Amino acid sequence: MNLLNNIKQYSLRFPKSMAARKPTGGTLTYKELESCSNSLACYLKNNLPNDKSPIIVYGHKDPYMLVLFLACVKASHPYCPIDTSIPMERTVSIIEAVQPQIILTTESLDIEHPKILSLEEIKSICASTERDTQIDITIKDEDVFYILFTSGSTGTPKGVQITAKCLDDFLSWLASMVKAHNINGPLVFLNQAAFSFDLSVMDLYTSLFLGGTSYLLDKETQLDFKKLIPALKGSGVSVWVSTPSFANLCLADRNICGDLLPNLKLLLFCGEVLTNKTALQLMERFPEAKIINTYGPTEATVAVTGQEITREIAQRVEPLPIGRPNPKIQIEIRKENGQPADIGETGEIVIIGDTVAKGYLGQPELTERFFSERQNGGQFTRAYKTGDAGFIDEEENLHYAGRLDNQIKLNGYRIELGDIESNLINLEDILEAAVLPKWQGGKIKNLVAFVTADLDAQESFDERAFSRNVKKQLKVKLPEYMVPKKIIRLDSLPMNSNGKVDRKKLGELIK
């Protein structure tokens, strides 16, 4: 595999080069990454059956998590990352879906499981193994490299299986895009996203593929400007990878500019809509840096299209284009009747090609619903129906035009509104639930939940106390970014002529 071969070569040629580091001081060299992942892989091979079953990796932004990821793969087991920010109930549901024989951790995980290795135990295993340990890597193109769980419409998260070939083809494309910008000096990638979010693949593995350094920005640092500004100043970042929402957060402080990040040459965005306003503000703050807007779902390995956003484009084209596809990817726009859409005509975005995932873990019916096989030149390739609306313009650029279903993106996170609704309905006293996005300035600002509740036994009703209680219960079940900002109780939810919840009428109630 190209990625693993590249890392091995960097460990031999530049053993002391940093593969990853944190603002708080944690570091990992390429030599350490290669040798420690080999040692741990040997342990896994000797202690697990050769069944290619997934392994859970639990933690948050510790450089050693890279060792755990690669060790799993080298031992012929895909890894499934879970960030510490994920609520325990959801963490447990993912573990139950994966059924791992072993869980590797860099943080404390207080659950019942027959085999959980702590970071101390893992380091001890690596230290007791020969440092020049070599391992026969047998991963093939169609073997699953990693599994990422995304929001599911039934309230149960779904695991997207990304193969080694998916990742290699994605990295070859993105790495060529980065190299085309001729970045001089150290190649340092900003890692903003948690490892359980697919945006992190863009910076983490592109950096390792090119011999760069991943600068791991933990959640606590991101939320505190007193920590964030000195962390950015000491980063040496040359390639910024984040959601547009994180960029907007940074733009709120005038100190975050080209003077603070003099090495910054490239900004890569994915995960949600990059607005014209944000792009233009970034051009003012970082005049020496180029901006690339990308698009892609988790099911197609992070991103499949890219477009450099110039000032002329940002001032003329709204919404911003998301570019042309990876050469190994074909984009089709299909109308509701399944026929191809004309130039400029909106329809569903269908992705066909080598970076399309293998499907959902343990969910064959769901896989069959969204994935299919296409024959091209005597060979079969996978296709994925995204549920995203879009169109292709006369210059062959793809444009995103929202969701066709009940799925949205908020602050870079893909969220099935049905997932939140299912968890709401499962709360005590809640009878019905509908969750809608609140739009402001052409983007989603937050979420609003409308519910009906069985509160007849109560003599009085405190709206604020009710809302606080519902949010408190939801935070046990869902990540914080999925908890609606506002909970509105209604006597009944309005229905349309089809007997379904009238979301248009509910939308009119959002202020």
Protein backbone atom coordinates (compact mmCIF):
# COMPACT_ATOMS: atom_id res chain seq x y z
CA MET A 1 0.00 0.00 0.00
CA ASN A 2 1.41 3.41 -1.01
CA LEU A 3 0.65 5.11 2.33
CA LEU A 4 2.35 2.45 4.45
CA ASN A 5 5.31 2.22 2.07
CA ASN A 6 5.78 5.98 2.17
CA ILE A 7 5.76 6.06 5.97
CA LYS A 8 8.36 3.28 6.08
CA GLN A 9 10.63 5.15 3.69
CA TYR A 10 10.33 8.40 5.67
CA SER A 11 11.21 6.50 8.87
CA LEU A 12 14.43 5.30 7.22
CA ARG A 13 15.40 8.53 5.46
CA PHE A 14 14.20 11.06 8.07
CA PRO A 15 13.87 9.09 11.33
CA LYS A 16 13.84 12.16 13.60
CA SER A 17 11.29 14.11 11.54
CA MET A 18 8.06 14.79 13.38
CA ALA A 19 5.04 12.81 12.19
CA ALA A 20 2.78 14.49 14.76
CA ARG A 21 2.94 16.93 17.65
CA LYS A 22 0.60 18.75 20.02
CA PRO A 23 0.69 22.31 21.38
CA THR A 24 0.96 20.80 24.88
CA GLY A 25 4.19 19.01 24.01
CA GLY A 26 3.38 15.47 22.87
CA THR A 27 5.41 14.39 19.84
CA LEU A 28 5.90 11.38 17.59
CA THR A 29 8.74 10.93 15.08
CA TYR A 30 8.51 8.88 11.89
CA LYS A 31 10.94 6.36 13.40
CA GLU A 32 8.76 5.98 16.49
CA LEU A 33 5.61 5.72 14.39
CA GLU A 34 7.05 2.96 12.21
CA SER A 35 8.79 0.91 14.90
CA CYS A 36 6.06 1.18 17.55
CA SER A 37 3.26 0.38 15.12
CA ASN A 38 5.23 -2.67 13.93
CA SER A 39 5.73 -3.84 17.52
CA LEU A 40 2.06 -3.45 18.42
CA ALA A 41 1.01 -5.08 15.15
CA CYS A 42 3.09 -8.14 16.06
CA TYR A 43 1.34 -8.32 19.43
CA LEU A 44 -2.08 -8.08 17.75
CA LYS A 45 -1.19 -10.75 15.21
CA ASN A 46 -0.04 -13.08 17.97
CA ASN A 47 -3.07 -12.51 20.18
CA LEU A 48 -5.98 -12.16 17.75
CA PRO A 49 -7.35 -14.57 15.16
CA ASN A 50 -6.58 -13.70 11.56
CA ASP A 51 -10.20 -12.82 10.77
CA LYS A 52 -9.78 -9.16 9.76
CA SER A 53 -12.30 -8.12 12.42
CA PRO A 54 -12.37 -4.41 13.41
CA ILE A 55 -10.57 -2.98 16.43
CA ILE A 56 -11.86 0.02 18.40
CA VAL A 57 -9.37 2.83 19.05
CA TYR A 58 -10.57 5.22 21.77
CA GLY A 59 -9.01 8.57 22.63
CA HIS A 60 -8.54 12.23 21.70
CA LYS A 61 -5.68 13.84 19.81
CA ASP A 62 -2.86 11.89 21.44
CA PRO A 63 -0.03 11.48 18.88
CA TYR A 64 0.17 7.83 19.88
CA MET A 65 -3.25 7.26 18.32
CA LEU A 66 -1.43 7.23 14.97
CA VAL A 67 0.58 4.25 16.22
CA LEU A 68 -2.64 2.44 17.16
CA PHE A 69 -4.27 3.14 13.79
CA LEU A 70 -1.34 1.81 11.78
CA ALA A 71 -0.75 -1.17 14.09
CA CYS A 72 -4.33 -2.35 13.51
CA VAL A 73 -3.97 -2.12 9.75
CA LYS A 74 -0.55 -3.77 9.70
CA ALA A 75 -2.06 -6.62 11.70
CA SER A 76 -4.77 -6.98 8.99
CA HIS A 77 -7.56 -5.47 11.14
CA PRO A 78 -9.43 -2.28 10.25
CA TYR A 79 -9.63 0.28 13.03
CA CYS A 80 -12.68 2.20 14.20
CA PRO A 81 -11.88 5.48 16.02
CA ILE A 82 -14.11 6.84 18.79
CA ASP A 83 -13.38 10.29 20.19
CA THR A 84 -13.76 11.01 23.90
CA SER A 85 -16.33 13.72 23.08
CA ILE A 86 -18.82 11.03 21.98
CA PRO A 87 -21.34 10.35 24.82
CA MET A 88 -20.86 7.03 26.56
CA GLU A 89 -24.24 5.65 25.50
CA ARG A 90 -23.38 6.24 21.85
CA THR A 91 -19.86 4.91 22.37
CA VAL A 92 -21.32 1.70 23.77
CA SER A 93 -23.72 1.39 20.80
CA ILE A 94 -20.79 1.67 18.36
CA ILE A 95 -18.80 -0.91 20.30
CA GLU A 96 -21.82 -3.24 20.24
CA ALA A 97 -22.10 -2.80 16.47
CA VAL A 98 -18.39 -3.48 15.91
CA GLN A 99 -18.06 -6.36 18.41
CA PRO A 100 -14.28 -5.86 18.76
CA GLN A 101 -12.15 -8.55 20.33
CA ILE A 102 -9.87 -5.85 21.73
CA ILE A 103 -10.10 -2.10 22.42
CA LEU A 104 -7.00 0.10 22.27
CA THR A 105 -7.13 3.34 24.27
CA THR A 106 -5.13 6.49 24.94
CA GLU A 107 -7.73 7.72 27.47
CA SER A 108 -9.65 6.01 30.27
CA LEU A 109 -12.68 4.02 29.07
CA ASP A 110 -14.90 2.77 31.88
CA ILE A 111 -16.97 0.03 30.28
CA GLU A 112 -17.30 -3.72 30.60
CA HIS A 113 -15.20 -5.47 27.94
CA PRO A 114 -12.98 -8.57 28.13
CA LYS A 115 -9.92 -6.89 26.61
CA ILE A 116 -9.09 -3.19 26.91
CA LEU A 117 -5.47 -2.07 26.59
CA SER A 118 -4.47 1.21 28.23
CA LEU A 119 -1.84 3.53 26.77
CA GLU A 120 0.60 2.44 29.49
CA GLU A 121 0.09 -1.22 28.61
CA ILE A 122 0.47 -0.49 24.90
CA LYS A 123 3.72 1.41 25.44
CA SER A 124 4.98 -1.43 27.58
CA ILE A 125 4.24 -3.90 24.79
CA CYS A 126 6.12 -1.74 22.31
CA ALA A 127 9.07 -1.26 24.67
CA SER A 128 9.40 -5.00 25.28
CA THR A 129 9.53 -5.77 21.56
CA GLU A 130 12.62 -5.42 19.41
CA ARG A 131 12.76 -1.85 18.06
CA ASP A 132 13.74 -3.04 14.58
CA THR A 133 10.77 -5.41 14.35
CA GLN A 134 9.64 -5.99 10.79
CA ILE A 135 6.20 -7.22 9.86
CA ASP A 136 4.80 -8.78 6.74
CA ILE A 137 2.02 -6.40 5.69
CA THR A 138 -0.67 -8.31 3.86
CA ILE A 139 -3.37 -5.64 3.43
CA LYS A 140 -4.95 -5.78 -0.05
CA ASP A 141 -6.82 -3.15 -2.05
CA GLU A 142 -10.27 -4.36 -1.04
CA ASP A 143 -9.41 -4.90 2.62
CA VAL A 144 -11.09 -2.38 4.93
CA PHE A 145 -8.59 0.18 6.29
CA TYR A 146 -10.87 2.07 8.70
CA ILE A 147 -14.53 2.30 9.73
CA LEU A 148 -16.12 5.63 10.62
CA PHE A 149 -19.55 5.82 12.22
CA THR A 150 -21.90 8.54 11.00
CA SER A 151 -25.35 9.63 12.05
CA GLY A 152 -28.13 7.16 11.15
CA SER A 153 -31.78 7.97 10.46
CA THR A 154 -33.07 5.23 12.81
CA GLY A 155 -31.20 6.56 15.83
CA THR A 156 -28.48 3.95 15.36
CA PRO A 157 -25.11 5.12 13.91
CA LYS A 158 -23.88 3.43 10.72
CA GLY A 159 -20.30 2.34 10.09
CA VAL A 160 -18.80 3.34 6.74
CA GLN A 161 -16.12 0.87 5.54
CA ILE A 162 -13.25 2.53 3.68
CA THR A 163 -10.84 0.21 1.88
CA ALA A 164 -7.09 0.53 1.42
CA LYS A 165 -7.58 1.33 -2.27
CA CYS A 166 -10.18 4.01 -1.44
CA LEU A 167 -7.68 5.73 0.84
CA ASP A 168 -4.68 5.37 -1.48
CA ASP A 169 -6.57 6.79 -4.46
CA PHE A 170 -7.89 9.68 -2.38
CA LEU A 171 -4.40 10.48 -1.07
CA SER A 172 -2.77 10.34 -4.49
CA TRP A 173 -5.29 12.91 -5.76
CA LEU A 174 -5.15 15.26 -2.78
CA ALA A 175 -1.38 15.02 -2.42
CA SER A 176 -0.95 16.07 -6.05
CA MET A 177 -3.20 19.06 -5.35
CA VAL A 178 -1.06 20.07 -2.36
CA LYS A 179 2.22 19.57 -4.25
CA ALA A 180 0.92 21.69 -7.14
CA HIS A 181 1.08 24.71 -4.83
CA ASN A 182 4.87 24.34 -4.36
CA ILE A 183 4.93 24.87 -0.60
CA ASN A 184 8.50 25.66 0.45
CA GLY A 185 9.83 24.80 3.88
CA PRO A 186 8.40 22.35 6.44
CA LEU A 187 5.06 20.78 5.51
CA VAL A 188 2.85 21.13 8.59
CA PHE A 189 -0.85 20.27 8.46
CA LEU A 190 -3.36 21.68 10.93
CA ASN A 191 -5.51 18.91 12.40
CA GLN A 192 -8.72 20.49 13.73
CA ALA A 193 -11.22 17.63 13.41
CA ALA A 194 -11.50 14.72 15.83
CA PHE A 195 -10.21 11.39 14.49
CA SER A 196 -13.77 10.00 14.51
CA PHE A 197 -14.74 12.68 11.95
CA ASP A 198 -13.65 11.96 8.36
CA LEU A 199 -12.23 15.45 7.79
CA SER A 200 -9.29 14.36 9.97
CA VAL A 201 -8.34 11.84 7.25
CA MET A 202 -7.67 14.78 4.91
CA ASP A 203 -4.95 16.29 7.07
CA LEU A 204 -3.63 13.27 8.99
CA TYR A 205 -3.02 10.87 6.12
CA THR A 206 -2.15 13.47 3.48
CA SER A 207 0.53 14.70 5.86
CA LEU A 208 1.90 11.17 6.43
CA PHE A 209 1.66 10.42 2.71
CA LEU A 210 3.88 13.45 1.97
CA GLY A 211 6.24 13.16 4.95
CA GLY A 212 4.77 16.16 6.75
CA THR A 213 3.82 16.87 10.35
CA SER A 214 0.28 16.76 11.76
CA TYR A 215 -0.30 19.51 14.31
CA LEU A 216 -2.97 18.06 16.61
CA LEU A 217 -5.21 20.78 18.00
CA ASP A 218 -7.26 19.39 20.89
CA LYS A 219 -10.83 20.45 21.61
CA GLU A 220 -9.98 22.40 24.76
CA THR A 221 -7.45 24.54 22.88
CA GLN A 222 -9.85 25.19 20.01
CA LEU A 223 -12.50 26.63 22.34
CA ASP A 224 -10.24 29.03 24.26
CA PHE A 225 -8.61 31.93 22.39
CA LYS A 226 -6.11 32.36 25.24
CA LYS A 227 -4.81 28.89 24.36
CA LEU A 228 -5.63 28.85 20.65
CA ILE A 229 -3.66 31.94 19.60
CA PRO A 230 -0.33 30.87 21.15
CA ALA A 231 -0.92 27.33 19.88
CA LEU A 232 -1.37 28.60 16.32
CA LYS A 233 1.60 30.94 16.65
CA GLY A 234 3.87 28.05 17.60
CA SER A 235 2.48 25.63 15.03
CA GLY A 236 4.41 26.52 11.88
CA VAL A 237 1.30 25.44 9.95
CA SER A 238 1.64 25.63 6.17
CA VAL A 239 -1.58 23.73 5.25
CA TRP A 240 -4.76 24.59 7.13
CA VAL A 241 -7.45 21.87 7.08
CA SER A 242 -10.74 22.57 8.85
CA THR A 243 -14.45 23.09 8.52
CA PRO A 244 -15.56 26.57 7.45
CA SER A 245 -17.19 26.91 10.90
CA PHE A 246 -13.82 26.64 12.65
CA ALA A 247 -12.42 29.23 10.24
CA ASN A 248 -15.30 31.55 11.13
CA LEU A 249 -14.55 31.02 14.82
CA CYS A 250 -10.94 32.04 14.21
CA LEU A 251 -11.94 35.07 12.15
CA ALA A 252 -13.67 36.46 15.25
CA ASP A 253 -10.22 37.38 16.59
CA ARG A 254 -8.21 39.87 14.56
CA ASN A 255 -4.95 38.40 15.88
CA ILE A 256 -5.48 35.29 13.77
CA CYS A 257 -3.99 36.46 10.48
CA GLY A 258 -0.98 36.15 8.21
CA ASP A 259 1.34 37.70 10.81
CA LEU A 260 0.44 34.93 13.28
CA LEU A 261 0.81 32.19 10.65
CA PRO A 262 3.54 33.42 8.26
CA ASN A 263 4.11 29.94 6.77
CA LEU A 264 0.47 29.36 5.83
CA LYS A 265 0.17 28.80 2.07
CA LEU A 266 -2.92 26.64 1.60
CA LEU A 267 -6.38 26.44 3.21
CA LEU A 268 -8.42 23.28 2.56
CA PHE A 269 -12.10 23.19 3.47
CA CYS A 270 -14.55 20.32 3.59
CA GLY A 271 -17.49 19.13 5.68
CA GLU A 272 -19.95 21.95 5.04
CA VAL A 273 -20.68 24.94 2.81
CA LEU A 274 -17.90 27.52 2.46
CA THR A 275 -19.64 30.87 2.03
CA ASN A 276 -18.43 33.69 -0.21
CA LYS A 277 -18.21 35.98 2.81
CA THR A 278 -15.91 33.62 4.71
CA ALA A 279 -13.70 33.07 1.65
CA LEU A 280 -13.27 36.81 1.10
CA GLN A 281 -12.48 37.43 4.77
CA LEU A 282 -9.83 34.70 4.70
CA MET A 283 -8.26 36.30 1.62
CA GLU A 284 -7.95 39.57 3.54
CA ARG A 285 -6.43 37.90 6.61
CA PHE A 286 -4.12 35.52 4.70
CA PRO A 287 -3.22 37.23 1.39
CA GLU A 288 -0.35 34.79 0.72
CA ALA A 289 -2.51 31.66 1.05
CA LYS A 290 -4.63 29.87 -1.55
CA ILE A 291 -8.11 28.54 -0.72
CA ILE A 292 -9.47 25.21 -1.97
CA ASN A 293 -13.12 24.30 -1.53
CA THR A 294 -13.78 20.54 -1.56
CA TYR A 295 -16.83 18.30 -1.42
CA GLY A 296 -17.50 14.69 -0.55
CA PRO A 297 -19.38 12.40 1.84
CA THR A 298 -17.78 9.93 4.24
CA GLU A 299 -18.99 7.15 1.93
CA ALA A 300 -16.65 8.37 -0.84
CA THR A 301 -13.52 8.88 1.32
CA VAL A 302 -13.70 12.45 2.55
CA ALA A 303 -13.69 14.46 -0.69
CA VAL A 304 -14.12 13.82 -4.40
CA THR A 305 -14.04 17.32 -5.91
CA GLY A 306 -11.89 20.40 -5.40
CA GLN A 307 -11.88 24.00 -6.61
CA GLU A 308 -9.43 26.81 -5.95
CA ILE A 309 -11.42 29.85 -4.89
CA THR A 310 -9.97 33.04 -6.31
CA ARG A 311 -11.13 36.53 -5.41
CA GLU A 312 -12.80 36.79 -8.82
CA ILE A 313 -14.80 33.59 -8.18
CA ALA A 314 -15.71 34.62 -4.62
CA GLN A 315 -17.02 37.97 -5.86
CA ARG A 316 -18.87 36.58 -8.90
CA VAL A 317 -20.23 33.07 -8.18
CA GLU A 318 -22.63 32.36 -5.32
CA PRO A 319 -22.82 29.78 -3.89
CA LEU A 320 -19.20 28.86 -4.45
CA PRO A 321 -18.47 25.95 -6.81
CA ILE A 322 -17.10 22.74 -5.31
CA GLY A 323 -15.03 21.93 -8.37
CA ARG A 324 -14.17 19.07 -10.65
CA PRO A 325 -13.77 15.47 -9.50
CA ASN A 326 -10.76 13.34 -8.73
CA PRO A 327 -9.73 11.83 -12.15
CA LYS A 328 -10.66 8.38 -10.81
CA ILE A 329 -14.17 9.57 -9.94
CA GLN A 330 -17.17 10.17 -12.13
CA ILE A 331 -20.01 12.45 -11.01
CA GLU A 332 -23.54 12.01 -12.31
CA ILE A 333 -26.53 14.20 -11.62
CA ARG A 334 -29.74 12.16 -11.65
CA LYS A 335 -33.26 13.56 -11.80
CA GLU A 336 -36.06 12.13 -9.65
CA ASN A 337 -37.04 9.77 -12.49
CA GLY A 338 -33.51 8.38 -12.59
CA GLN A 339 -32.58 10.04 -15.89
CA PRO A 340 -29.41 12.15 -16.28
CA ALA A 341 -29.91 15.86 -15.63
CA ASP A 342 -28.96 18.49 -18.18
CA ILE A 343 -26.23 21.08 -17.65
CA GLY A 344 -27.42 23.47 -14.95
CA GLU A 345 -30.30 21.21 -13.92
CA THR A 346 -30.47 20.16 -10.28
CA GLY A 347 -30.70 16.53 -9.27
CA GLU A 348 -29.13 13.96 -6.94
CA ILE A 349 -25.34 13.73 -6.91
CA VAL A 350 -24.18 10.17 -7.64
CA ILE A 351 -20.50 9.33 -7.11
CA ILE A 352 -18.93 6.50 -9.12
CA GLY A 353 -15.35 5.31 -8.82
CA ASP A 354 -12.40 4.03 -6.84
CA THR A 355 -12.90 6.00 -3.61
CA VAL A 356 -16.48 4.85 -3.00
CA ALA A 357 -16.75 2.85 0.24
CA LYS A 358 -17.41 -0.85 0.55
CA GLY A 359 -20.73 -0.20 2.29
CA TYR A 360 -22.04 -0.12 5.85
CA LEU A 361 -20.75 -2.52 8.49
CA GLY A 362 -23.27 -5.26 9.22
CA GLN A 363 -26.11 -3.49 7.40
CA PRO A 364 -26.56 -5.19 3.99
CA GLU A 365 -30.04 -3.76 3.35
CA LEU A 366 -28.86 -0.20 3.98
CA THR A 367 -25.81 -0.82 1.83
CA GLU A 368 -27.97 -2.09 -1.03
CA ARG A 369 -30.19 0.98 -0.74
CA PHE A 370 -27.38 3.49 -1.29
CA PHE A 371 -24.57 1.57 -2.99
CA SER A 372 -24.50 -0.24 -6.33
CA GLU A 373 -22.00 -1.64 -8.81
CA ARG A 374 -21.41 -0.21 -12.28
CA GLN A 375 -19.61 -1.91 -15.15
CA ASN A 376 -17.04 0.22 -16.89
CA GLY A 377 -14.76 -1.18 -19.59
CA GLY A 378 -15.23 -4.72 -18.41
CA GLN A 379 -14.49 -3.82 -14.79
CA PHE A 380 -16.89 -3.22 -11.93
CA THR A 381 -16.76 -0.11 -9.79
CA ARG A 382 -18.92 1.06 -6.92
CA ALA A 383 -21.44 3.89 -7.05
CA TYR A 384 -22.99 5.82 -4.15
CA LYS A 385 -26.23 7.80 -4.13
CA THR A 386 -25.38 10.74 -1.89
CA GLY A 387 -28.82 12.20 -1.21
CA ASP A 388 -27.19 15.57 -1.95
CA ALA A 389 -28.71 17.89 -4.52
CA GLY A 390 -26.41 19.51 -7.04
CA PHE A 391 -25.81 20.57 -10.61
CA ILE A 392 -22.94 20.86 -13.08
CA ASP A 393 -22.36 24.21 -14.77
CA GLU A 394 -21.17 24.90 -18.31
CA GLU A 395 -17.55 24.93 -17.11
CA GLU A 396 -18.04 21.35 -15.77
CA ASN A 397 -17.83 22.50 -12.15
CA LEU A 398 -20.03 20.82 -9.56
CA HIS A 399 -22.29 22.91 -7.34
CA TYR A 400 -23.88 21.74 -4.08
CA ALA A 401 -27.57 22.62 -3.66
CA GLY A 402 -28.51 21.14 -0.27
CA ARG A 403 -29.96 17.83 0.90
CA LEU A 404 -32.71 15.85 -0.80
CA ASP A 405 -33.69 14.15 2.44
CA ASN A 406 -33.74 14.98 6.11
CA GLN A 407 -29.97 15.18 6.57
CA ILE A 408 -27.99 18.35 7.18
CA LYS A 409 -24.48 19.51 8.00
CA LEU A 410 -23.86 21.71 11.04
CA ASN A 411 -20.39 22.99 11.94
CA GLY A 412 -18.92 20.38 9.60
CA TYR A 413 -20.77 17.44 11.16
CA ARG A 414 -23.18 15.42 9.10
CA ILE A 415 -26.39 14.91 11.07
CA GLU A 416 -29.47 12.84 10.33
CA LEU A 417 -32.33 14.82 11.86
CA GLY A 418 -34.17 11.51 12.19
CA ASP A 419 -31.37 10.34 14.50
CA ILE A 420 -32.09 13.18 16.94
CA GLU A 421 -35.85 12.69 16.59
CA SER A 422 -35.56 8.99 17.42
CA ASN A 423 -33.56 9.75 20.53
CA LEU A 424 -36.02 12.46 21.57
CA ILE A 425 -38.97 10.11 21.24
CA ASN A 426 -37.17 7.59 23.43
CA LEU A 427 -37.02 10.11 26.30
CA GLU A 428 -39.53 9.84 29.13
CA ASP A 429 -42.72 11.88 28.52
CA ILE A 430 -41.86 12.81 24.90
CA LEU A 431 -44.52 11.57 22.48
CA GLU A 432 -43.57 13.09 19.13
CA ALA A 433 -40.58 15.01 17.84
CA ALA A 434 -39.49 16.92 14.75
CA VAL A 435 -36.10 18.62 14.42
CA LEU A 436 -35.45 21.42 11.93
CA PRO A 437 -32.43 23.55 11.10
CA LYS A 438 -32.53 27.28 11.71
CA TRP A 439 -31.06 29.09 8.72
CA GLN A 440 -29.35 32.47 8.90
CA GLY A 441 -27.27 34.18 6.24
CA GLY A 442 -27.48 31.24 3.85
CA LYS A 443 -26.19 28.65 6.34
CA ILE A 444 -27.48 26.58 9.22
CA LYS A 445 -27.03 28.39 12.54
CA ASN A 446 -28.44 25.78 14.94
CA LEU A 447 -31.16 23.16 15.44
CA VAL A 448 -34.68 23.55 16.82
CA ALA A 449 -36.75 20.65 18.16
CA PHE A 450 -40.54 20.62 18.26
CA VAL A 451 -42.03 18.04 20.62
CA THR A 452 -45.30 16.93 22.15
CA ALA A 453 -45.19 15.60 25.68
CA ASP A 454 -47.31 13.67 28.14
CA LEU A 455 -47.45 16.26 30.91
CA ASP A 456 -51.13 16.03 31.87
CA ALA A 457 -50.32 15.00 35.42
CA GLN A 458 -48.47 18.24 36.07
CA GLU A 459 -50.44 21.17 37.45
CA SER A 460 -48.06 23.77 36.00
CA PHE A 461 -45.57 23.86 33.17
CA ASP A 462 -42.18 25.60 33.22
CA GLU A 463 -40.98 25.98 29.61
CA ARG A 464 -37.36 26.69 30.52
CA ALA A 465 -37.10 23.86 33.03
CA PHE A 466 -38.66 21.47 30.50
CA SER A 467 -36.18 22.52 27.79
CA ARG A 468 -33.19 22.20 30.15
CA ASN A 469 -34.31 18.74 31.23
CA VAL A 470 -34.74 17.50 27.66
CA LYS A 471 -31.29 18.81 26.66
CA LYS A 472 -29.73 17.23 29.73
CA GLN A 473 -31.18 13.84 28.82
CA LEU A 474 -30.14 14.17 25.17
CA LYS A 475 -26.54 14.97 26.08
CA VAL A 476 -26.27 11.51 27.60
CA LYS A 477 -27.30 9.96 24.29
CA LEU A 478 -25.91 12.26 21.60
CA PRO A 479 -22.79 14.32 20.86
CA GLU A 480 -23.17 17.94 21.95
CA TYR A 481 -23.28 19.19 18.35
CA MET A 482 -26.48 17.14 17.78
CA VAL A 483 -28.39 18.57 20.75
CA PRO A 484 -30.92 21.21 19.54
CA LYS A 485 -30.33 24.70 20.88
CA LYS A 486 -34.05 25.25 21.37
CA ILE A 487 -36.80 22.83 22.49
CA ILE A 488 -40.37 23.95 21.74
CA ARG A 489 -43.33 22.04 23.19
CA LEU A 490 -46.55 22.01 21.16
CA ASP A 491 -49.92 20.48 21.93
CA SER A 492 -49.66 18.63 18.62
CA LEU A 493 -47.42 18.60 15.55
CA PRO A 494 -49.07 19.92 12.38
CA MET A 495 -49.77 17.34 9.68
CA ASN A 496 -49.92 17.68 5.89
CA SER A 497 -52.38 16.04 3.52
CA ASN A 498 -50.27 12.88 3.42
CA GLY A 499 -50.57 12.42 7.17
CA LYS A 500 -46.92 13.34 7.73
CA VAL A 501 -45.50 16.08 9.92
CA ASP A 502 -45.81 19.39 8.09
CA ARG A 503 -42.23 20.61 8.37
CA LYS A 504 -42.97 23.70 6.32
CA LYS A 505 -45.45 24.92 8.93
CA LEU A 506 -43.02 24.12 11.72
CA GLY A 507 -40.35 26.07 9.87
CA GLU A 508 -42.58 29.13 9.99
CA LEU A 509 -42.54 28.93 13.80
CA ILE A 510 -38.74 29.25 13.98
CA LYS A 511 -37.69 32.75 14.93
